Amino acid sequence: MTDREKPVLLVVDECEVRCLLQDIYFSEFGMNVESVNEGAAAVARCSALAPDVALVSMSLEGELDAVETIRGLKARSGTHIIALADASTSSVDAQVEHAARALAAGADMLVVKPCMPDTLLRHVKRLLAHRQPDAGRDAASDDRRSQELGGEARADGDEAVSLGMSA
């Protein structure tokens, strides 16, 4: 599989270690991974990168917070977005608010971290199964890529809030 055929994953997290770990993990499953530590950098890179899926930490601060970053990514691309909320630093009420804000901004789902890497991978695969082929990728290469990634993943009751997605 060429780099152009690989799914592109954008990781937006203020923690460089988490970015590195996600880069290593998702690269092992045939994805091109790009990591940025700020929302403004993510939005700026989005047009050139054209990510298939973005993982956005809800604890982003700075020029653009997580909600503004999600809005910016959605406005510039058809990127599917998984918002990541940190369970250890917020109450249940705060998590519900994070979910509502993330989904209203355009996130496809919210996953509470920490979570098992394979759980996050299943959610990413699920979103990849819903993407549309673009000019640089054809439907046949998308089908091959889906098979190489293990087909469509299912969210078997995992800890995610998901919006209905059009296929």
C-alpha atoms as a PDB file:
ATOM      1  CA  MET A   1       0.000   0.000   0.000  1.00  0.00           C
ATOM      2  CA  THR A   2       1.456   3.352  -0.997  1.00  0.00           C
ATOM      3  CA  ASP A   3       1.454   6.344   1.353  1.00  0.00           C
ATOM      4  CA  ARG A   4      -1.252   7.962  -0.793  1.00  0.00           C
ATOM      5  CA  GLU A   5      -3.527   4.944  -0.279  1.00  0.00           C
ATOM      6  CA  LYS A   6      -3.069   4.871   3.487  1.00  0.00           C
ATOM      7  CA  PRO A   7      -5.698   6.505   5.678  1.00  0.00           C
ATOM      8  CA  VAL A   8      -4.551   9.793   7.190  1.00  0.00           C
ATOM      9  CA  LEU A   9      -5.040  10.291  10.930  1.00  0.00           C
ATOM     10  CA  LEU A  10      -4.546  13.697  12.545  1.00  0.00           C
ATOM     11  CA  VAL A  11      -3.809  13.624  16.287  1.00  0.00           C
ATOM     12  CA  VAL A  12      -4.454  16.917  18.090  1.00  0.00           C
ATOM     13  CA  ASP A  13      -3.262  16.712  21.691  1.00  0.00           C
ATOM     14  CA  GLU A  14      -1.330  19.094  23.916  1.00  0.00           C
ATOM     15  CA  CYS A  15       0.687  16.168  25.313  1.00  0.00           C
ATOM     16  CA  GLU A  16       3.612  15.287  23.049  1.00  0.00           C
ATOM     17  CA  VAL A  17       3.973  11.845  24.657  1.00  0.00           C
ATOM     18  CA  ARG A  18       0.355  10.910  23.834  1.00  0.00           C
ATOM     19  CA  CYS A  19       0.910  12.170  20.274  1.00  0.00           C
ATOM     20  CA  LEU A  20       4.000   9.997  19.937  1.00  0.00           C
ATOM     21  CA  LEU A  21       2.281   6.916  21.379  1.00  0.00           C
ATOM     22  CA  GLN A  22      -0.708   7.311  19.067  1.00  0.00           C
ATOM     23  CA  ASP A  23       1.624   7.854  16.104  1.00  0.00           C
ATOM     24  CA  ILE A  24       3.475   4.611  16.863  1.00  0.00           C
ATOM     25  CA  TYR A  25       0.285   2.627  17.514  1.00  0.00           C
ATOM     26  CA  PHE A  26      -1.776   3.732  14.505  1.00  0.00           C
ATOM     27  CA  SER A  27       1.216   3.559  12.142  1.00  0.00           C
ATOM     28  CA  GLU A  28       1.426  -0.145  12.968  1.00  0.00           C
ATOM     29  CA  PHE A  29      -2.064  -0.501  11.459  1.00  0.00           C
ATOM     30  CA  GLY A  30      -1.131   1.087   8.140  1.00  0.00           C
ATOM     31  CA  MET A  31      -2.090   4.700   8.768  1.00  0.00           C
ATOM     32  CA  ASN A  32      -0.214   7.903   8.034  1.00  0.00           C
ATOM     33  CA  VAL A  33      -0.249   9.804  11.307  1.00  0.00           C
ATOM     34  CA  GLU A  34       0.332  13.531  11.712  1.00  0.00           C
ATOM     35  CA  SER A  35       0.436  15.034  15.203  1.00  0.00           C
ATOM     36  CA  VAL A  36       0.061  18.631  16.331  1.00  0.00           C
ATOM     37  CA  ASN A  37      -0.047  20.113  19.826  1.00  0.00           C
ATOM     38  CA  GLU A  38      -2.354  23.083  19.212  1.00  0.00           C
ATOM     39  CA  GLY A  39      -5.779  23.566  17.687  1.00  0.00           C
ATOM     40  CA  ALA A  40      -4.699  26.424  15.427  1.00  0.00           C
ATOM     41  CA  ALA A  41      -1.925  24.243  13.970  1.00  0.00           C
ATOM     42  CA  ALA A  42      -4.438  21.444  13.343  1.00  0.00           C
ATOM     43  CA  VAL A  43      -6.807  23.727  11.447  1.00  0.00           C
ATOM     44  CA  ALA A  44      -3.915  25.196   9.451  1.00  0.00           C
ATOM     45  CA  ARG A  45      -2.647  21.713   8.465  1.00  0.00           C
ATOM     46  CA  CYS A  46      -6.089  20.343   7.658  1.00  0.00           C
ATOM     47  CA  SER A  47      -6.419  21.702   4.114  1.00  0.00           C
ATOM     48  CA  ALA A  48      -3.041  20.391   2.956  1.00  0.00           C
ATOM     49  CA  LEU A  49      -3.201  17.130   4.914  1.00  0.00           C
ATOM     50  CA  ALA A  50      -6.854  16.184   4.181  1.00  0.00           C
ATOM     51  CA  PRO A  51      -7.087  13.797   7.151  1.00  0.00           C
ATOM     52  CA  ASP A  52      -9.665  11.021   7.069  1.00  0.00           C
ATOM     53  CA  VAL A  53     -10.033  11.042  10.868  1.00  0.00           C
ATOM     54  CA  ALA A  54      -8.880  13.449  13.578  1.00  0.00           C
ATOM     55  CA  LEU A  55      -8.476  12.629  17.263  1.00  0.00           C
ATOM     56  CA  VAL A  56      -8.992  15.870  19.200  1.00  0.00           C
ATOM     57  CA  SER A  57      -8.276  16.187  22.923  1.00  0.00           C
ATOM     58  CA  MET A  58     -11.062  18.075  24.714  1.00  0.00           C
ATOM     59  CA  SER A  59      -8.479  19.561  27.079  1.00  0.00           C
ATOM     60  CA  LEU A  60      -6.890  21.713  24.357  1.00  0.00           C
ATOM     61  CA  GLU A  61      -6.236  25.286  25.361  1.00  0.00           C
ATOM     62  CA  GLY A  62      -4.620  28.188  23.580  1.00  0.00           C
ATOM     63  CA  GLU A  63      -5.564  30.207  20.539  1.00  0.00           C
ATOM     64  CA  LEU A  64      -8.255  27.615  19.685  1.00  0.00           C
ATOM     65  CA  ASP A  65      -9.804  25.377  22.331  1.00  0.00           C
ATOM     66  CA  ALA A  66     -11.098  21.896  21.490  1.00  0.00           C
ATOM     67  CA  VAL A  67     -14.566  23.039  20.406  1.00  0.00           C
ATOM     68  CA  GLU A  68     -13.171  25.782  18.158  1.00  0.00           C
ATOM     69  CA  THR A  69     -10.679  23.275  16.727  1.00  0.00           C
ATOM     70  CA  ILE A  70     -13.457  20.793  15.927  1.00  0.00           C
ATOM     71  CA  ARG A  71     -15.486  23.550  14.237  1.00  0.00           C
ATOM     72  CA  GLY A  72     -12.439  24.647  12.237  1.00  0.00           C
ATOM     73  CA  LEU A  73     -11.636  21.115  11.091  1.00  0.00           C
ATOM     74  CA  LYS A  74     -15.237  20.476  10.035  1.00  0.00           C
ATOM     75  CA  ALA A  75     -15.425  23.786   8.159  1.00  0.00           C
ATOM     76  CA  ARG A  76     -12.310  22.985   6.114  1.00  0.00           C
ATOM     77  CA  SER A  77     -12.753  19.308   5.339  1.00  0.00           C
ATOM     78  CA  GLY A  78     -14.894  16.217   5.470  1.00  0.00           C
ATOM     79  CA  THR A  79     -12.740  14.879   8.270  1.00  0.00           C
ATOM     80  CA  HIS A  80     -14.403  12.558  10.757  1.00  0.00           C
ATOM     81  CA  ILE A  81     -13.630  13.645  14.312  1.00  0.00           C
ATOM     82  CA  ILE A  82     -13.309  11.701  17.537  1.00  0.00           C
ATOM     83  CA  ALA A  83     -13.239  14.007  20.551  1.00  0.00           C
ATOM     84  CA  LEU A  84     -11.252  12.608  23.492  1.00  0.00           C
ATOM     85  CA  ALA A  85     -12.390  13.646  26.981  1.00  0.00           C
ATOM     86  CA  ASP A  86     -10.211  12.962  30.030  1.00  0.00           C
ATOM     87  CA  ALA A  87     -12.142  11.049  32.701  1.00  0.00           C
ATOM     88  CA  SER A  88      -9.560  11.619  35.419  1.00  0.00           C
ATOM     89  CA  THR A  89      -9.843  15.399  35.487  1.00  0.00           C
ATOM     90  CA  SER A  90     -13.575  15.947  35.210  1.00  0.00           C
ATOM     91  CA  SER A  91     -16.833  15.077  36.869  1.00  0.00           C
ATOM     92  CA  VAL A  92     -19.639  13.182  35.152  1.00  0.00           C
ATOM     93  CA  ASP A  93     -21.450  16.497  34.609  1.00  0.00           C
ATOM     94  CA  ALA A  94     -18.336  17.946  32.952  1.00  0.00           C
ATOM     95  CA  GLN A  95     -18.046  14.863  30.727  1.00  0.00           C
ATOM     96  CA  VAL A  96     -21.680  15.227  29.642  1.00  0.00           C
ATOM     97  CA  GLU A  97     -21.035  18.888  28.841  1.00  0.00           C
ATOM     98  CA  HIS A  98     -17.873  17.963  26.894  1.00  0.00           C
ATOM     99  CA  ALA A  99     -19.895  15.434  24.899  1.00  0.00           C
ATOM    100  CA  ALA A 100     -22.660  17.914  24.133  1.00  0.00           C
ATOM    101  CA  ARG A 101     -20.225  20.654  23.107  1.00  0.00           C
ATOM    102  CA  ALA A 102     -18.062  18.326  20.990  1.00  0.00           C
ATOM    103  CA  LEU A 103     -21.003  16.783  19.167  1.00  0.00           C
ATOM    104  CA  ALA A 104     -22.647  20.183  18.603  1.00  0.00           C
ATOM    105  CA  ALA A 105     -19.362  21.455  17.115  1.00  0.00           C
ATOM    106  CA  GLY A 106     -19.288  18.589  14.615  1.00  0.00           C
ATOM    107  CA  ALA A 107     -17.495  15.672  16.286  1.00  0.00           C
ATOM    108  CA  ASP A 108     -18.718  12.271  15.140  1.00  0.00           C
ATOM    109  CA  MET A 109     -18.215  10.744  18.565  1.00  0.00           C
ATOM    110  CA  LEU A 110     -16.702  11.318  21.976  1.00  0.00           C
ATOM    111  CA  VAL A 111     -14.482   8.728  23.657  1.00  0.00           C
ATOM    112  CA  VAL A 112     -13.543   8.989  27.323  1.00  0.00           C
ATOM    113  CA  LYS A 113      -9.839   8.473  27.967  1.00  0.00           C
ATOM    114  CA  PRO A 114      -8.031   6.615  29.213  1.00  0.00           C
ATOM    115  CA  CYS A 115      -9.293   3.859  26.947  1.00  0.00           C
ATOM    116  CA  MET A 116      -7.679   0.772  25.536  1.00  0.00           C
ATOM    117  CA  PRO A 117      -5.836   1.408  22.266  1.00  0.00           C
ATOM    118  CA  ASP A 118      -7.791  -1.340  20.495  1.00  0.00           C
ATOM    119  CA  THR A 119     -11.046   0.388  21.476  1.00  0.00           C
ATOM    120  CA  LEU A 120      -9.878   3.640  19.912  1.00  0.00           C
ATOM    121  CA  LEU A 121      -8.680   1.715  16.834  1.00  0.00           C
ATOM    122  CA  ARG A 122     -12.157   0.159  16.427  1.00  0.00           C
ATOM    123  CA  HIS A 123     -13.729   3.624  16.486  1.00  0.00           C
ATOM    124  CA  VAL A 124     -11.225   4.964  13.945  1.00  0.00           C
ATOM    125  CA  LYS A 125     -11.861   1.983  11.644  1.00  0.00           C
ATOM    126  CA  ARG A 126     -15.598   2.504  11.970  1.00  0.00           C
ATOM    127  CA  LEU A 127     -15.264   6.099  10.806  1.00  0.00           C
ATOM    128  CA  LEU A 128     -12.876   5.111   8.000  1.00  0.00           C
ATOM    129  CA  ALA A 129     -15.538   2.753   6.687  1.00  0.00           C
ATOM    130  CA  HIS A 130     -17.833   5.792   6.170  1.00  0.00           C
ATOM    131  CA  ARG A 131     -15.431   8.019   4.291  1.00  0.00           C
ATOM    132  CA  GLN A 132     -15.857   9.012   0.672  1.00  0.00           C
ATOM    133  CA  PRO A 133     -13.104   8.384  -1.897  1.00  0.00           C
ATOM    134  CA  ASP A 134     -11.438  11.585  -3.095  1.00  0.00           C
ATOM    135  CA  ALA A 135      -9.759  12.512  -6.353  1.00  0.00           C
ATOM    136  CA  GLY A 136      -6.455  10.956  -5.290  1.00  0.00           C
ATOM    137  CA  ARG A 137      -8.017   7.708  -4.103  1.00  0.00           C
ATOM    138  CA  ASP A 138     -10.456   5.472  -5.885  1.00  0.00           C
ATOM    139  CA  ALA A 139     -13.183   3.222  -4.477  1.00  0.00           C
ATOM    140  CA  ALA A 140     -11.175   0.058  -5.238  1.00  0.00           C
ATOM    141  CA  SER A 141      -8.181   1.259  -3.219  1.00  0.00           C
ATOM    142  CA  ASP A 142     -10.557   2.249  -0.378  1.00  0.00           C
ATOM    143  CA  ASP A 143     -11.986  -1.308  -0.420  1.00  0.00           C
ATOM    144  CA  ARG A 144      -8.473  -2.823  -0.367  1.00  0.00           C
ATOM    145  CA  ARG A 145      -7.469  -0.498   2.467  1.00  0.00           C
ATOM    146  CA  SER A 146     -10.566  -1.446   4.475  1.00  0.00           C
ATOM    147  CA  GLN A 147      -9.750  -5.157   4.050  1.00  0.00           C
ATOM    148  CA  GLU A 148      -6.105  -4.590   5.018  1.00  0.00           C
ATOM    149  CA  LEU A 149      -7.245  -2.737   8.134  1.00  0.00           C
ATOM    150  CA  GLY A 150      -9.489  -5.634   9.093  1.00  0.00           C
ATOM    151  CA  GLY A 151     -12.787  -4.472   7.586  1.00  0.00           C
ATOM    152  CA  GLU A 152     -15.389  -2.347   9.281  1.00  0.00           C
ATOM    153  CA  ALA A 153     -15.024  -2.148  13.023  1.00  0.00           C
ATOM    154  CA  ARG A 154     -18.062  -2.289  15.245  1.00  0.00           C
ATOM    155  CA  ALA A 155     -18.526  -0.316  18.449  1.00  0.00           C
ATOM    156  CA  ASP A 156     -19.706  -3.240  20.567  1.00  0.00           C
ATOM    157  CA  GLY A 157     -20.959  -1.192  23.490  1.00  0.00           C
ATOM    158  CA  ASP A 158     -17.678   0.673  23.894  1.00  0.00           C
ATOM    159  CA  GLU A 159     -17.509   3.848  25.930  1.00  0.00           C
ATOM    160  CA  ALA A 160     -18.318   6.262  23.120  1.00  0.00           C
ATOM    161  CA  VAL A 161     -21.082   8.695  22.380  1.00  0.00           C
ATOM    162  CA  SER A 162     -21.813   8.583  18.674  1.00  0.00           C
ATOM    163  CA  LEU A 163     -23.970  10.580  16.293  1.00  0.00           C
ATOM    164  CA  GLY A 164     -25.751   8.847  13.452  1.00  0.00           C
ATOM    165  CA  MET A 165     -23.526   8.998  10.388  1.00  0.00           C
ATOM    166  CA  SER A 166     -24.655   8.873   6.807  1.00  0.00           C
ATOM    167  CA  ALA A 167     -22.938   6.140   4.877  1.00  0.00           C
END
